[in-house]
N, C-alpha and C. Protein backbone atom coordinates (compact mmCIF):
# COMPACT_ATOMS: atom_id res chain seq x y z
N MET A 1 290.44 110.01 49.79
CA MET A 1 290.71 109.49 48.48
C MET A 1 289.69 108.42 48.10
N LYS A 2 289.28 107.60 49.07
CA LYS A 2 288.30 106.55 48.80
C LYS A 2 286.97 107.16 48.36
N LYS A 3 286.60 108.28 48.99
CA LYS A 3 285.34 108.94 48.62
C LYS A 3 285.41 109.46 47.19
N PHE A 4 286.57 109.99 46.82
CA PHE A 4 286.75 110.52 45.48
C PHE A 4 286.65 109.41 44.44
N LEU A 5 287.31 108.28 44.67
CA LEU A 5 287.25 107.14 43.76
C LEU A 5 285.83 106.56 43.71
N GLY A 6 285.15 106.55 44.84
CA GLY A 6 283.76 106.08 44.88
C GLY A 6 282.86 106.98 44.04
N LEU A 7 283.10 108.30 44.11
CA LEU A 7 282.33 109.26 43.32
C LEU A 7 282.57 109.05 41.82
N ILE A 8 283.82 108.86 41.44
CA ILE A 8 284.16 108.60 40.04
C ILE A 8 283.48 107.31 39.55
N ALA A 9 283.52 106.27 40.36
CA ALA A 9 282.89 105.00 39.99
C ALA A 9 281.39 105.19 39.80
N MET A 10 280.75 105.93 40.66
CA MET A 10 279.30 106.19 40.55
C MET A 10 278.98 106.95 39.26
N LEU A 11 279.81 107.93 38.91
CA LEU A 11 279.59 108.70 37.69
C LEU A 11 279.71 107.80 36.45
N VAL A 12 280.70 106.92 36.43
CA VAL A 12 280.88 106.02 35.30
C VAL A 12 279.69 105.07 35.18
N ILE A 13 279.24 104.52 36.27
CA ILE A 13 278.11 103.58 36.26
C ILE A 13 276.84 104.29 35.82
N SER A 14 276.59 105.48 36.34
CA SER A 14 275.36 106.19 35.99
C SER A 14 275.38 106.65 34.55
N THR A 15 276.54 107.01 34.01
CA THR A 15 276.64 107.43 32.62
C THR A 15 276.34 106.28 31.68
N THR A 16 276.86 105.11 31.97
CA THR A 16 276.59 103.97 31.08
C THR A 16 275.16 103.49 31.18
N SER A 17 274.50 103.71 32.29
CA SER A 17 273.12 103.26 32.41
C SER A 17 272.16 104.15 31.64
N PHE A 18 272.59 105.38 31.30
CA PHE A 18 271.73 106.27 30.53
C PHE A 18 271.82 106.01 29.03
N ALA A 19 272.80 105.25 28.58
CA ALA A 19 272.91 104.93 27.16
C ALA A 19 271.69 104.12 26.76
N GLN A 20 271.04 104.54 25.66
CA GLN A 20 269.82 103.87 25.23
C GLN A 20 270.17 102.62 24.43
N LYS A 21 269.78 101.52 24.95
CA LYS A 21 269.97 100.25 24.25
C LYS A 21 268.59 99.77 23.84
N GLY A 22 268.51 99.27 22.63
CA GLY A 22 267.23 98.79 22.12
C GLY A 22 267.03 99.27 20.70
N ALA A 23 265.80 99.25 20.25
CA ALA A 23 265.45 99.67 18.90
C ALA A 23 265.27 101.19 18.86
N ASN A 24 265.77 101.81 17.82
CA ASN A 24 265.58 103.25 17.59
C ASN A 24 264.91 103.43 16.23
N LEU A 25 263.81 104.16 16.20
CA LEU A 25 263.11 104.44 14.96
C LEU A 25 263.51 105.83 14.50
N GLU A 26 264.25 105.90 13.39
CA GLU A 26 264.68 107.18 12.85
C GLU A 26 263.92 107.43 11.54
N LEU A 27 263.12 108.49 11.52
CA LEU A 27 262.29 108.81 10.35
C LEU A 27 263.01 109.77 9.42
N LYS A 28 262.77 109.62 8.11
CA LYS A 28 263.25 110.64 7.17
C LYS A 28 262.49 111.94 7.45
N SER A 29 261.19 111.81 7.68
CA SER A 29 260.34 112.95 8.03
C SER A 29 259.11 112.41 8.76
N ASP A 30 258.62 113.17 9.75
CA ASP A 30 257.42 112.75 10.47
C ASP A 30 256.16 113.39 9.91
N THR A 31 256.30 114.14 8.80
CA THR A 31 255.15 114.81 8.18
C THR A 31 255.17 114.59 6.68
N VAL A 32 253.99 114.28 6.13
CA VAL A 32 253.82 114.22 4.68
C VAL A 32 252.91 115.37 4.29
N ASP A 33 253.39 116.19 3.37
CA ASP A 33 252.61 117.33 2.89
C ASP A 33 252.10 117.00 1.48
N TYR A 34 250.80 116.80 1.36
CA TYR A 34 250.19 116.52 0.06
C TYR A 34 250.21 117.75 -0.83
N GLY A 35 250.30 118.92 -0.22
CA GLY A 35 250.18 120.15 -1.00
C GLY A 35 248.72 120.33 -1.39
N THR A 36 248.48 121.01 -2.50
CA THR A 36 247.13 121.18 -3.02
C THR A 36 246.96 120.20 -4.18
N VAL A 37 246.04 119.27 -4.01
CA VAL A 37 245.85 118.20 -5.00
C VAL A 37 244.37 118.05 -5.33
N THR A 38 244.10 117.32 -6.42
CA THR A 38 242.72 116.98 -6.77
C THR A 38 242.55 115.47 -6.68
N LYS A 39 241.34 115.06 -6.40
CA LYS A 39 241.04 113.64 -6.26
C LYS A 39 241.30 112.89 -7.57
N GLU A 40 241.02 113.54 -8.68
CA GLU A 40 241.18 112.91 -9.98
C GLU A 40 242.65 112.69 -10.36
N ASP A 41 243.53 113.53 -9.86
CA ASP A 41 244.94 113.47 -10.26
C ASP A 41 245.85 112.80 -9.24
N ASP A 42 245.32 112.41 -8.08
CA ASP A 42 246.16 111.86 -7.02
C ASP A 42 245.46 110.67 -6.37
N ASN A 43 246.17 109.56 -6.20
CA ASN A 43 245.55 108.38 -5.59
C ASN A 43 245.58 108.41 -4.05
N GLY A 44 246.29 109.38 -3.47
CA GLY A 44 246.30 109.53 -2.01
C GLY A 44 247.31 108.68 -1.28
N LEU A 45 248.11 107.90 -1.99
CA LEU A 45 249.09 107.01 -1.35
C LEU A 45 250.39 107.77 -1.08
N ARG A 46 250.86 107.70 0.17
CA ARG A 46 252.12 108.32 0.56
C ARG A 46 252.88 107.34 1.45
N VAL A 47 254.19 107.60 1.63
CA VAL A 47 255.06 106.68 2.36
C VAL A 47 255.91 107.44 3.38
N PHE A 48 255.96 106.89 4.59
CA PHE A 48 256.90 107.35 5.62
C PHE A 48 258.03 106.33 5.64
N GLU A 49 259.26 106.78 5.39
CA GLU A 49 260.41 105.89 5.41
C GLU A 49 261.13 106.02 6.74
N PHE A 50 261.63 104.89 7.26
CA PHE A 50 262.33 104.90 8.53
C PHE A 50 263.47 103.90 8.52
N LYS A 51 264.33 104.03 9.53
CA LYS A 51 265.46 103.11 9.69
C LYS A 51 265.60 102.76 11.16
N ASN A 52 265.96 101.53 11.45
CA ASN A 52 266.23 101.11 12.82
C ASN A 52 267.71 101.39 13.09
N THR A 53 267.99 102.45 13.84
CA THR A 53 269.37 102.81 14.14
C THR A 53 269.80 102.28 15.50
N GLY A 54 269.00 101.43 16.09
CA GLY A 54 269.33 100.85 17.39
C GLY A 54 270.11 99.56 17.26
N ASP A 55 270.23 98.86 18.41
CA ASP A 55 270.97 97.60 18.42
C ASP A 55 270.07 96.40 18.70
N ALA A 56 268.77 96.59 18.57
CA ALA A 56 267.81 95.50 18.76
C ALA A 56 266.76 95.58 17.65
N PRO A 57 266.08 94.49 17.35
CA PRO A 57 265.03 94.52 16.31
C PRO A 57 263.91 95.51 16.68
N LEU A 58 263.46 96.25 15.68
CA LEU A 58 262.35 97.20 15.84
C LEU A 58 261.06 96.47 15.52
N ILE A 59 260.13 96.52 16.45
CA ILE A 59 258.84 95.87 16.25
C ILE A 59 257.75 96.94 16.22
N ILE A 60 257.05 97.02 15.10
CA ILE A 60 255.91 97.92 15.00
C ILE A 60 254.68 97.11 15.35
N LYS A 61 254.12 97.40 16.51
CA LYS A 61 253.00 96.61 17.03
C LYS A 61 251.70 96.95 16.32
N GLU A 62 251.49 98.26 16.11
CA GLU A 62 250.23 98.69 15.51
C GLU A 62 250.40 100.10 14.97
N VAL A 63 249.63 100.42 13.93
CA VAL A 63 249.59 101.77 13.38
C VAL A 63 248.12 102.15 13.28
N LYS A 64 247.75 103.24 13.95
CA LYS A 64 246.35 103.66 13.99
C LYS A 64 246.18 105.01 13.33
N SER A 65 245.02 105.18 12.71
CA SER A 65 244.65 106.44 12.10
C SER A 65 243.59 107.13 12.96
N THR A 66 243.48 108.44 12.82
CA THR A 66 242.47 109.19 13.58
C THR A 66 241.07 109.02 12.99
N CYS A 67 240.97 108.49 11.76
CA CYS A 67 239.65 108.28 11.16
C CYS A 67 239.72 107.17 10.12
N GLY A 68 238.59 106.78 9.62
CA GLY A 68 238.52 105.72 8.61
C GLY A 68 238.91 106.17 7.22
N CYS A 69 239.12 107.47 7.04
CA CYS A 69 239.48 107.99 5.71
C CYS A 69 240.96 107.80 5.39
N THR A 70 241.72 107.33 6.37
CA THR A 70 243.15 107.12 6.20
C THR A 70 243.48 105.69 6.60
N VAL A 71 244.06 104.93 5.68
CA VAL A 71 244.34 103.52 5.94
C VAL A 71 245.86 103.29 5.89
N PRO A 72 246.46 102.94 7.03
CA PRO A 72 247.90 102.68 7.04
C PRO A 72 248.21 101.19 6.83
N SER A 73 249.40 100.92 6.31
CA SER A 73 249.92 99.55 6.26
C SER A 73 251.40 99.62 6.64
N TRP A 74 251.87 98.58 7.35
CA TRP A 74 253.22 98.62 7.92
C TRP A 74 253.82 97.23 7.92
N PRO A 75 255.14 97.13 8.08
CA PRO A 75 255.78 95.81 8.12
C PRO A 75 255.41 95.07 9.40
N LYS A 76 255.00 93.83 9.25
CA LYS A 76 254.59 93.02 10.42
C LYS A 76 255.78 92.29 11.04
N ASP A 77 256.84 92.07 10.25
CA ASP A 77 258.04 91.40 10.75
C ASP A 77 258.96 92.41 11.42
N PRO A 78 259.76 91.99 12.40
CA PRO A 78 260.72 92.90 13.03
C PRO A 78 261.73 93.45 12.02
N ILE A 79 262.12 94.69 12.23
CA ILE A 79 263.11 95.35 11.39
C ILE A 79 264.46 95.23 12.11
N ALA A 80 265.40 94.56 11.50
CA ALA A 80 266.71 94.32 12.11
C ALA A 80 267.49 95.63 12.26
N PRO A 81 268.41 95.68 13.22
CA PRO A 81 269.25 96.88 13.36
C PRO A 81 269.96 97.22 12.05
N GLY A 82 269.94 98.49 11.69
CA GLY A 82 270.56 98.95 10.45
C GLY A 82 269.69 98.83 9.22
N LYS A 83 268.56 98.17 9.32
CA LYS A 83 267.66 97.98 8.17
C LYS A 83 266.60 99.08 8.12
N SER A 84 266.01 99.24 6.96
CA SER A 84 264.99 100.27 6.74
C SER A 84 263.63 99.63 6.49
N GLY A 85 262.60 100.44 6.59
CA GLY A 85 261.25 100.00 6.32
C GLY A 85 260.39 101.19 5.93
N LYS A 86 259.13 100.92 5.66
CA LYS A 86 258.23 102.02 5.30
C LYS A 86 256.83 101.75 5.80
N ILE A 87 256.15 102.83 6.11
CA ILE A 87 254.74 102.80 6.50
C ILE A 87 253.99 103.52 5.39
N GLU A 88 253.09 102.79 4.73
CA GLU A 88 252.30 103.39 3.66
C GLU A 88 250.98 103.88 4.22
N VAL A 89 250.53 105.02 3.71
CA VAL A 89 249.28 105.62 4.16
C VAL A 89 248.46 105.97 2.92
N LYS A 90 247.22 105.51 2.91
CA LYS A 90 246.31 105.81 1.79
C LYS A 90 245.18 106.70 2.32
N TYR A 91 245.12 107.93 1.81
CA TYR A 91 244.07 108.87 2.19
C TYR A 91 242.99 108.83 1.11
N ASN A 92 241.71 108.94 1.53
CA ASN A 92 240.60 108.77 0.56
C ASN A 92 240.36 109.97 -0.34
N MET A 93 241.09 111.05 -0.15
CA MET A 93 241.05 112.24 -1.01
C MET A 93 239.69 112.93 -1.05
N GLY A 94 239.01 113.02 0.10
CA GLY A 94 237.78 113.80 0.19
C GLY A 94 238.10 115.28 0.11
N LEU A 95 237.21 116.06 -0.49
CA LEU A 95 237.44 117.49 -0.64
C LEU A 95 237.63 118.17 0.71
N GLY A 96 238.57 119.11 0.75
CA GLY A 96 238.81 119.89 1.96
C GLY A 96 240.23 119.74 2.46
N PRO A 97 240.50 120.35 3.63
CA PRO A 97 241.85 120.28 4.18
C PRO A 97 242.18 118.88 4.70
N ILE A 98 243.47 118.54 4.63
CA ILE A 98 243.96 117.28 5.17
C ILE A 98 244.74 117.61 6.44
N ARG A 99 244.26 117.14 7.57
CA ARG A 99 244.94 117.32 8.86
C ARG A 99 244.72 116.03 9.65
N LYS A 100 245.59 115.08 9.46
CA LYS A 100 245.43 113.76 10.08
C LYS A 100 246.69 113.40 10.84
N THR A 101 246.50 112.56 11.86
CA THR A 101 247.63 112.03 12.62
C THR A 101 247.57 110.51 12.60
N ILE A 102 248.69 109.91 12.33
CA ILE A 102 248.84 108.46 12.36
C ILE A 102 249.70 108.15 13.60
N THR A 103 249.27 107.21 14.42
CA THR A 103 250.01 106.86 15.64
C THR A 103 250.63 105.48 15.48
N VAL A 104 251.95 105.44 15.60
CA VAL A 104 252.70 104.19 15.48
C VAL A 104 253.05 103.72 16.90
N GLN A 105 252.67 102.49 17.21
CA GLN A 105 253.03 101.90 18.51
C GLN A 105 254.13 100.88 18.25
N SER A 106 255.29 101.11 18.92
CA SER A 106 256.45 100.28 18.66
C SER A 106 257.25 100.05 19.94
N ASN A 107 258.37 99.36 19.79
CA ASN A 107 259.27 99.17 20.91
C ASN A 107 260.47 100.12 20.83
N ALA A 108 260.34 101.20 20.08
CA ALA A 108 261.43 102.17 19.93
C ALA A 108 261.69 102.88 21.26
N VAL A 109 262.95 102.84 21.70
CA VAL A 109 263.30 103.46 22.99
C VAL A 109 263.55 104.96 22.86
N ASN A 110 263.66 105.48 21.63
CA ASN A 110 263.90 106.91 21.47
C ASN A 110 262.62 107.74 21.39
N TYR A 111 261.47 107.12 21.63
CA TYR A 111 260.19 107.82 21.74
C TYR A 111 259.52 107.41 23.04
N PRO A 112 258.85 108.34 23.72
CA PRO A 112 258.17 107.98 24.98
C PRO A 112 257.17 106.85 24.75
N ASP A 113 257.31 105.79 25.50
CA ASP A 113 256.44 104.61 25.42
C ASP A 113 256.42 103.98 24.03
N GLY A 114 257.37 104.33 23.16
CA GLY A 114 257.43 103.76 21.82
C GLY A 114 256.37 104.29 20.88
N VAL A 115 255.68 105.37 21.27
CA VAL A 115 254.59 105.93 20.45
C VAL A 115 255.16 107.05 19.56
N VAL A 116 254.97 106.87 18.24
CA VAL A 116 255.52 107.81 17.26
C VAL A 116 254.35 108.45 16.50
N PRO A 117 254.16 109.77 16.61
CA PRO A 117 253.10 110.44 15.85
C PRO A 117 253.60 110.83 14.45
N LEU A 118 252.80 110.52 13.44
CA LEU A 118 253.08 110.92 12.07
C LEU A 118 251.95 111.82 11.60
N LYS A 119 252.27 112.84 10.81
CA LYS A 119 251.26 113.82 10.42
C LYS A 119 251.08 113.87 8.91
N LEU A 120 249.83 114.07 8.50
CA LEU A 120 249.47 114.30 7.11
C LEU A 120 248.87 115.69 7.01
N LYS A 121 249.25 116.45 5.99
CA LYS A 121 248.65 117.76 5.80
C LYS A 121 248.54 118.05 4.31
N GLY A 122 247.69 118.99 3.99
CA GLY A 122 247.49 119.38 2.60
C GLY A 122 246.05 119.79 2.36
N GLU A 123 245.66 119.82 1.10
CA GLU A 123 244.28 120.19 0.77
C GLU A 123 243.88 119.53 -0.54
N VAL A 124 242.67 118.97 -0.52
CA VAL A 124 242.10 118.39 -1.74
C VAL A 124 241.08 119.39 -2.27
N VAL A 125 241.28 119.81 -3.52
CA VAL A 125 240.39 120.79 -4.13
C VAL A 125 239.66 120.16 -5.31
N LYS A 126 238.58 120.80 -5.72
CA LYS A 126 237.81 120.33 -6.87
C LYS A 126 238.57 120.69 -8.14
N LYS A 127 238.62 119.74 -9.05
CA LYS A 127 239.32 119.96 -10.32
C LYS A 127 238.52 120.96 -11.15
N GLU A 128 239.23 121.95 -11.69
CA GLU A 128 238.57 122.94 -12.54
C GLU A 128 238.20 122.30 -13.86
N GLU A 129 236.95 122.50 -14.25
CA GLU A 129 236.51 121.98 -15.54
C GLU A 129 236.67 123.09 -16.57
N VAL A 130 237.28 122.74 -17.67
CA VAL A 130 237.51 123.71 -18.74
C VAL A 130 236.58 123.38 -19.89
N ASN A 131 235.80 124.36 -20.28
CA ASN A 131 234.89 124.21 -21.42
C ASN A 131 235.58 124.82 -22.63
N ILE A 132 235.99 124.00 -23.56
CA ILE A 132 236.73 124.52 -24.71
C ILE A 132 235.83 125.30 -25.67
N LEU A 133 234.53 125.16 -25.53
CA LEU A 133 233.60 125.89 -26.40
C LEU A 133 233.31 127.28 -25.87
N GLU A 134 233.66 127.52 -24.60
CA GLU A 134 233.39 128.81 -24.00
C GLU A 134 234.39 129.84 -24.51
N LYS A 135 233.87 131.05 -24.79
CA LYS A 135 234.75 132.12 -25.26
C LYS A 135 235.72 132.53 -24.17
N LYS A 136 236.95 132.70 -24.54
CA LYS A 136 237.94 133.17 -23.57
C LYS A 136 237.85 134.68 -23.52
N LYS A 137 237.91 135.20 -22.30
CA LYS A 137 237.84 136.64 -22.09
C LYS A 137 239.24 137.19 -22.03
N GLY A 138 239.39 138.41 -22.45
CA GLY A 138 240.66 139.09 -22.31
C GLY A 138 241.61 138.91 -23.48
N LEU A 139 241.18 138.21 -24.53
CA LEU A 139 242.04 138.08 -25.69
C LEU A 139 241.81 139.28 -26.60
N PRO A 140 242.86 139.78 -27.19
CA PRO A 140 242.71 140.94 -28.09
C PRO A 140 241.90 140.57 -29.34
N ASN A 141 241.29 141.56 -29.95
CA ASN A 141 240.54 141.44 -31.20
C ASN A 141 239.31 140.54 -31.07
N GLN A 142 238.65 140.62 -29.94
CA GLN A 142 237.40 139.85 -29.81
C GLN A 142 236.29 140.76 -29.43
């Protein structure tokens, strides 16, 4: 009987030790899709929204981009449990596909080592120029 009670006690202790205590970073989405955009019509600014669902303040230590064409900004103060925040990302809108990763370094216990990858995708295309003086093709009676 003592062995059985000892086994039960070990299970209870091990179960409570696996409960994650600390800051949890919960994202609305880990990907921003720009879609197909033009540089003239889009400023390139997007936002990742998150919430600290943990029981300790969330500290975002650093946010890094894979290149200089993407500039992130983030809250420097700790995010209290239950509070929300946002990470803003400004892409320079160079022509071509958008495939970038933003790396967030934090104290979030729900990500390995507190590292959270965020993704940007989409495509920047050249704006079509319309010449109003040019004859339109395909109209009847021309």
